[in-house]
């Protein structure tokens, strides 16, 4: 290769990273694949083991209940919040109430304006 490793000159006929010279598949495809895999898994169902008392025999029984993965994750988040996990509590409030508004200072020469976003 003319110019050696990472020393391509425009005189060599290819300037690095011009409109015509772009690396193939610059990682865009892998993001789409990951999103598709996550979406597929969230739509799938997981078997949850539920334990309870059979009202007819008064014995403890365990049954399998298929639940969507999304609901399993939400249940886990709610259990963590109920235990006092502040990150789980924050995530729930951010998703249900929206993120807290932050004051922003904007300076335009002589004045400083404090606004809320």
N, C-alpha and C. Protein backbone atom coordinates (compact mmCIF):
# COMPACT_ATOMS: atom_id res chain seq x y z
N UNK A 1 0.85 -1.17 0.00
CA UNK A 1 0.00 0.00 0.00
C UNK A 1 0.89 1.23 0.00
N UNK A 2 0.62 2.18 -0.86
CA UNK A 2 1.45 3.39 -0.89
C UNK A 2 1.34 4.16 0.42
N UNK A 3 2.45 4.65 0.90
CA UNK A 3 2.46 5.48 2.09
C UNK A 3 2.63 4.71 3.38
N UNK A 4 2.39 3.40 3.39
CA UNK A 4 2.55 2.61 4.60
C UNK A 4 1.33 2.66 5.49
N UNK A 5 1.44 2.00 6.62
CA UNK A 5 0.34 1.85 7.55
C UNK A 5 -0.13 3.21 8.06
N UNK A 6 -1.39 3.52 7.91
CA UNK A 6 -2.04 4.75 8.35
C UNK A 6 -1.36 6.02 7.82
N UNK A 7 -0.74 5.91 6.68
CA UNK A 7 -0.10 7.10 6.09
C UNK A 7 -0.57 7.28 4.65
N UNK A 8 -1.87 7.13 4.45
CA UNK A 8 -2.43 7.32 3.11
C UNK A 8 -2.52 8.82 2.84
N UNK A 9 -2.01 9.20 1.69
CA UNK A 9 -2.05 10.61 1.30
C UNK A 9 -3.08 10.79 0.19
N UNK A 10 -3.66 11.99 0.11
CA UNK A 10 -4.60 12.22 -0.99
C UNK A 10 -3.96 11.95 -2.35
N UNK A 11 -2.65 12.10 -2.45
CA UNK A 11 -1.98 11.84 -3.72
C UNK A 11 -2.02 10.35 -4.08
N UNK A 12 -2.24 9.48 -3.10
CA UNK A 12 -2.32 8.05 -3.36
C UNK A 12 -3.63 7.66 -4.04
N UNK A 13 -4.56 8.59 -4.11
CA UNK A 13 -5.81 8.32 -4.80
C UNK A 13 -6.99 8.06 -3.87
N UNK A 14 -6.74 7.86 -2.59
CA UNK A 14 -7.83 7.63 -1.64
C UNK A 14 -7.54 8.40 -0.37
N UNK A 15 -8.29 9.41 -0.12
CA UNK A 15 -8.15 10.12 1.15
C UNK A 15 -8.93 9.33 2.19
N UNK A 16 -8.41 9.18 3.41
CA UNK A 16 -9.12 8.39 4.40
C UNK A 16 -10.44 9.04 4.81
N UNK A 17 -11.47 8.22 4.89
CA UNK A 17 -12.78 8.61 5.38
C UNK A 17 -13.40 9.79 4.63
N UNK A 18 -13.33 9.72 3.34
CA UNK A 18 -14.09 10.67 2.53
C UNK A 18 -15.46 10.06 2.27
N UNK A 19 -16.29 10.78 1.55
CA UNK A 19 -17.63 10.28 1.24
C UNK A 19 -17.54 8.97 0.44
N UNK A 20 -16.54 8.86 -0.42
CA UNK A 20 -16.40 7.67 -1.26
C UNK A 20 -15.67 6.54 -0.53
N UNK A 21 -14.87 6.85 0.48
CA UNK A 21 -14.05 5.84 1.15
C UNK A 21 -14.52 5.69 2.60
N UNK A 22 -15.55 4.87 2.79
CA UNK A 22 -16.07 4.61 4.14
C UNK A 22 -15.90 3.14 4.46
N UNK A 23 -15.60 2.83 5.71
CA UNK A 23 -15.49 1.42 6.08
C UNK A 23 -16.85 0.73 5.93
N UNK A 24 -16.87 -0.52 5.46
CA UNK A 24 -18.14 -1.21 5.32
C UNK A 24 -18.73 -1.59 6.67
N UNK A 25 -20.06 -1.55 6.77
CA UNK A 25 -20.78 -1.97 7.99
C UNK A 25 -20.17 -1.37 9.25
N UNK A 26 -20.29 -0.10 9.41
CA UNK A 26 -19.64 0.60 10.51
C UNK A 26 -20.35 0.37 11.85
N UNK A 27 -20.80 -0.82 12.13
CA UNK A 27 -21.41 -1.13 13.41
C UNK A 27 -22.90 -0.87 13.47
N UNK A 28 -23.46 -0.30 12.44
CA UNK A 28 -24.88 0.00 12.45
C UNK A 28 -25.72 -1.28 12.48
N UNK A 29 -25.27 -2.28 11.77
CA UNK A 29 -26.03 -3.50 11.65
C UNK A 29 -26.13 -4.23 13.00
N UNK A 30 -25.04 -4.23 13.76
CA UNK A 30 -25.05 -4.96 15.02
C UNK A 30 -26.04 -4.36 16.02
N UNK A 31 -26.22 -3.05 16.00
CA UNK A 31 -27.19 -2.41 16.89
C UNK A 31 -28.60 -2.88 16.55
N UNK A 32 -28.92 -2.98 15.28
CA UNK A 32 -30.23 -3.44 14.86
C UNK A 32 -30.44 -4.88 15.28
N UNK A 33 -29.41 -5.70 15.16
CA UNK A 33 -29.51 -7.11 15.54
C UNK A 33 -29.77 -7.21 17.04
N UNK A 34 -29.06 -6.43 17.85
CA UNK A 34 -29.25 -6.45 19.29
C UNK A 34 -30.67 -6.01 19.66
N UNK A 35 -31.16 -4.97 19.02
CA UNK A 35 -32.52 -4.50 19.28
C UNK A 35 -33.54 -5.58 18.92
N UNK A 36 -33.34 -6.23 17.79
CA UNK A 36 -34.26 -7.30 17.38
C UNK A 36 -34.25 -8.46 18.37
N UNK A 37 -33.05 -8.83 18.85
CA UNK A 37 -32.96 -9.92 19.82
C UNK A 37 -33.64 -9.57 21.13
N UNK A 38 -33.42 -8.35 21.61
CA UNK A 38 -34.06 -7.92 22.85
C UNK A 38 -35.58 -7.89 22.71
N UNK A 39 -36.07 -7.36 21.60
CA UNK A 39 -37.51 -7.30 21.37
C UNK A 39 -38.11 -8.70 21.33
N UNK A 40 -37.43 -9.61 20.65
CA UNK A 40 -37.91 -10.99 20.57
C UNK A 40 -37.96 -11.63 21.96
N UNK A 41 -36.92 -11.43 22.76
CA UNK A 41 -36.89 -12.01 24.10
C UNK A 41 -37.96 -11.40 25.01
N UNK A 42 -38.19 -10.09 24.88
CA UNK A 42 -39.21 -9.45 25.71
C UNK A 42 -40.62 -9.92 25.36
N UNK A 43 -40.83 -10.33 24.12
CA UNK A 43 -42.13 -10.83 23.71
C UNK A 43 -42.33 -12.30 24.08
N UNK A 44 -41.23 -13.00 24.35
CA UNK A 44 -41.34 -14.42 24.69
C UNK A 44 -41.91 -14.59 26.09
N UNK A 45 -42.25 -15.82 26.43
CA UNK A 45 -42.83 -16.09 27.76
C UNK A 45 -41.85 -16.92 28.58
N UNK A 46 -41.84 -16.67 29.86
CA UNK A 46 -41.02 -17.41 30.82
C UNK A 46 -41.95 -18.13 31.78
N UNK A 47 -41.58 -19.32 32.21
CA UNK A 47 -42.36 -20.05 33.20
C UNK A 47 -41.99 -19.57 34.59
N UNK A 48 -42.99 -19.14 35.35
CA UNK A 48 -42.81 -18.68 36.72
C UNK A 48 -43.42 -19.74 37.63
N UNK A 49 -42.69 -20.11 38.66
CA UNK A 49 -43.19 -21.08 39.63
C UNK A 49 -43.95 -20.33 40.72
N UNK A 50 -45.24 -20.68 40.90
CA UNK A 50 -46.09 -20.04 41.89
C UNK A 50 -46.46 -21.10 42.93
N UNK A 51 -46.24 -20.76 44.20
CA UNK A 51 -46.55 -21.67 45.30
C UNK A 51 -47.77 -21.15 46.04
N UNK A 52 -48.67 -22.07 46.39
CA UNK A 52 -49.86 -21.68 47.12
C UNK A 52 -50.50 -22.89 47.80
N UNK A 53 -51.63 -22.67 48.42
CA UNK A 53 -52.36 -23.73 49.12
C UNK A 53 -53.56 -24.15 48.28
N UNK A 54 -53.68 -25.43 48.02
CA UNK A 54 -54.82 -25.97 47.29
C UNK A 54 -56.04 -25.92 48.21
N UNK A 55 -57.11 -25.20 47.81
CA UNK A 55 -58.26 -25.06 48.71
C UNK A 55 -59.02 -26.37 48.94
N UNK A 56 -58.89 -27.33 48.05
CA UNK A 56 -59.61 -28.60 48.20
C UNK A 56 -58.90 -29.55 49.16
N UNK A 57 -57.56 -29.59 49.09
CA UNK A 57 -56.80 -30.54 49.91
C UNK A 57 -56.03 -29.88 51.04
N UNK A 58 -55.98 -28.55 51.09
CA UNK A 58 -55.20 -27.79 52.08
C UNK A 58 -53.72 -28.16 52.07
N UNK A 59 -53.22 -28.61 50.93
CA UNK A 59 -51.79 -28.91 50.78
C UNK A 59 -51.13 -27.82 49.97
N UNK A 60 -49.83 -27.65 50.23
CA UNK A 60 -49.06 -26.65 49.48
C UNK A 60 -48.75 -27.24 48.10
N UNK A 61 -49.02 -26.45 47.06
CA UNK A 61 -48.73 -26.90 45.70
C UNK A 61 -47.93 -25.83 44.97
N UNK A 62 -47.22 -26.26 43.97
CA UNK A 62 -46.45 -25.35 43.12
C UNK A 62 -46.88 -25.60 41.68
N UNK A 63 -47.21 -24.53 40.98
CA UNK A 63 -47.61 -24.65 39.58
C UNK A 63 -46.76 -23.72 38.73
N UNK A 64 -46.67 -24.06 37.46
CA UNK A 64 -45.95 -23.21 36.50
C UNK A 64 -46.96 -22.31 35.79
N UNK A 65 -46.62 -21.03 35.74
CA UNK A 65 -47.48 -20.06 35.06
C UNK A 65 -46.64 -19.36 34.00
N UNK A 66 -47.01 -19.47 32.72
CA UNK A 66 -46.24 -18.74 31.70
C UNK A 66 -46.58 -17.25 31.76
N UNK A 67 -45.53 -16.42 31.83
CA UNK A 67 -45.71 -14.96 31.87
C UNK A 67 -44.81 -14.32 30.83
N UNK A 68 -45.28 -13.23 30.21
CA UNK A 68 -44.39 -12.50 29.29
C UNK A 68 -43.15 -11.99 30.03
N UNK A 69 -42.02 -12.04 29.37
CA UNK A 69 -40.76 -11.64 29.98
C UNK A 69 -40.82 -10.20 30.47
N UNK A 70 -41.51 -9.33 29.74
CA UNK A 70 -41.65 -7.93 30.17
C UNK A 70 -42.25 -7.86 31.57
N UNK A 71 -43.29 -8.65 31.81
CA UNK A 71 -43.94 -8.62 33.12
C UNK A 71 -43.04 -9.19 34.21
N UNK A 72 -42.23 -10.18 33.86
CA UNK A 72 -41.28 -10.74 34.83
C UNK A 72 -40.27 -9.66 35.25
N UNK A 73 -39.78 -8.91 34.28
CA UNK A 73 -38.80 -7.85 34.56
C UNK A 73 -39.44 -6.74 35.39
N UNK A 74 -40.66 -6.35 35.04
CA UNK A 74 -41.35 -5.31 35.80
C UNK A 74 -41.59 -5.77 37.23
N UNK A 75 -41.98 -7.03 37.40
CA UNK A 75 -42.18 -7.57 38.74
C UNK A 75 -40.90 -7.54 39.56
N UNK A 76 -39.78 -7.88 38.93
CA UNK A 76 -38.49 -7.84 39.63
C UNK A 76 -38.13 -6.41 40.04
N UNK A 77 -38.40 -5.45 39.15
CA UNK A 77 -38.12 -4.04 39.46
C UNK A 77 -38.99 -3.57 40.64
N UNK A 78 -40.27 -3.93 40.63
CA UNK A 78 -41.15 -3.54 41.72
C UNK A 78 -40.75 -4.18 43.05
N UNK A 79 -40.30 -5.45 43.01
CA UNK A 79 -39.84 -6.10 44.24
C UNK A 79 -38.60 -5.41 44.80
N UNK A 80 -37.68 -5.02 43.90
CA UNK A 80 -36.48 -4.31 44.35
C UNK A 80 -36.84 -2.96 44.97
N UNK A 81 -37.79 -2.26 44.37
CA UNK A 81 -38.22 -0.97 44.91
C UNK A 81 -38.87 -1.16 46.28
N UNK A 82 -39.66 -2.22 46.43
CA UNK A 82 -40.33 -2.48 47.71
C UNK A 82 -39.32 -2.80 48.81
N UNK A 83 -38.16 -3.34 48.45
CA UNK A 83 -37.11 -3.64 49.42
C UNK A 83 -36.31 -2.40 49.79
N UNK A 84 -36.54 -1.28 49.09
CA UNK A 84 -35.84 -0.04 49.40
C UNK A 84 -34.69 0.30 48.47
N UNK A 85 -34.55 -0.41 47.36
CA UNK A 85 -33.49 -0.12 46.40
C UNK A 85 -33.77 1.23 45.73
N UNK A 86 -32.94 2.23 46.05
CA UNK A 86 -33.19 3.59 45.56
C UNK A 86 -33.11 3.71 44.05
N UNK A 87 -32.23 2.95 43.40
CA UNK A 87 -32.14 3.01 41.94
C UNK A 87 -33.43 2.48 41.30
N UNK A 88 -34.00 1.43 41.88
CA UNK A 88 -35.26 0.89 41.35
C UNK A 88 -36.39 1.88 41.57
N UNK A 89 -36.42 2.51 42.74
CA UNK A 89 -37.45 3.52 43.03
C UNK A 89 -37.33 4.68 42.07
N UNK A 90 -36.10 5.15 41.84
CA UNK A 90 -35.87 6.26 40.91
C UNK A 90 -36.33 5.90 39.50
N UNK A 91 -36.02 4.68 39.06
CA UNK A 91 -36.41 4.25 37.72
C UNK A 91 -37.93 4.22 37.58
N UNK A 92 -38.62 3.74 38.60
CA UNK A 92 -40.09 3.69 38.55
C UNK A 92 -40.67 5.10 38.47
N UNK A 93 -40.18 6.01 39.32
CA UNK A 93 -40.69 7.38 39.29
C UNK A 93 -40.35 8.08 37.97
N UNK A 94 -39.14 7.87 37.45
CA UNK A 94 -38.77 8.49 36.17
C UNK A 94 -39.68 8.01 35.05
N UNK A 95 -40.04 6.74 35.07
CA UNK A 95 -40.88 6.18 34.00
C UNK A 95 -42.35 6.57 34.15
N UNK A 96 -42.83 6.73 35.39
CA UNK A 96 -44.25 7.02 35.57
C UNK A 96 -44.54 8.51 35.68
N UNK A 97 -43.69 9.26 36.36
CA UNK A 97 -43.93 10.69 36.59
C UNK A 97 -43.10 11.60 35.69
N UNK A 98 -42.11 11.05 35.02
CA UNK A 98 -41.20 11.85 34.22
C UNK A 98 -40.02 12.30 35.07
N UNK A 99 -38.93 12.62 34.41
CA UNK A 99 -37.74 13.04 35.14
C UNK A 99 -37.96 14.40 35.78
N UNK A 100 -37.30 14.63 36.92
CA UNK A 100 -37.44 15.89 37.64
C UNK A 100 -36.86 17.03 36.80
N UNK A 101 -37.52 18.19 36.88
CA UNK A 101 -37.06 19.35 36.12
C UNK A 101 -35.83 19.95 36.79
N UNK A 102 -34.88 20.39 35.97
CA UNK A 102 -33.64 20.96 36.46
C UNK A 102 -33.56 22.44 36.07
N UNK A 103 -33.13 23.31 37.00
CA UNK A 103 -32.97 24.72 36.62
C UNK A 103 -31.78 24.89 35.67
N UNK A 104 -31.93 25.79 34.71
CA UNK A 104 -30.88 26.05 33.74
C UNK A 104 -30.62 27.55 33.70
N UNK A 105 -29.35 27.94 33.76
CA UNK A 105 -29.00 29.35 33.66
C UNK A 105 -28.56 29.65 32.23
N UNK A 106 -29.14 30.71 31.65
CA UNK A 106 -28.78 31.14 30.30
C UNK A 106 -28.29 32.57 30.40
N UNK A 107 -27.06 32.78 29.96
CA UNK A 107 -26.46 34.11 30.03
C UNK A 107 -26.44 34.72 28.64
N UNK A 108 -27.02 35.93 28.49
CA UNK A 108 -27.05 36.58 27.18
C UNK A 108 -26.43 37.97 27.26
N UNK A 109 -25.18 38.02 27.59
CA UNK A 109 -24.49 39.31 27.66
C UNK A 109 -24.61 39.94 29.03
N UNK A 110 -25.67 40.73 29.27
CA UNK A 110 -25.81 41.47 30.52
C UNK A 110 -26.65 40.75 31.57
N UNK A 111 -27.54 39.88 31.16
CA UNK A 111 -28.48 39.28 32.08
C UNK A 111 -28.29 37.76 32.20
N UNK A 112 -28.65 37.23 33.36
CA UNK A 112 -28.68 35.78 33.54
C UNK A 112 -30.12 35.40 33.83
N UNK A 113 -30.64 34.52 33.02
CA UNK A 113 -32.02 34.06 33.18
C UNK A 113 -31.98 32.64 33.74
N UNK A 114 -32.75 32.40 34.78
CA UNK A 114 -32.87 31.06 35.33
C UNK A 114 -34.23 30.54 34.94
N UNK A 115 -34.21 29.45 34.16
CA UNK A 115 -35.47 28.86 33.69
C UNK A 115 -35.50 27.40 34.10
N UNK A 116 -36.67 26.81 33.99
CA UNK A 116 -36.82 25.39 34.25
C UNK A 116 -37.17 24.70 32.94
N UNK A 117 -36.53 23.61 32.72
CA UNK A 117 -36.78 22.86 31.47
C UNK A 117 -37.91 21.89 31.73
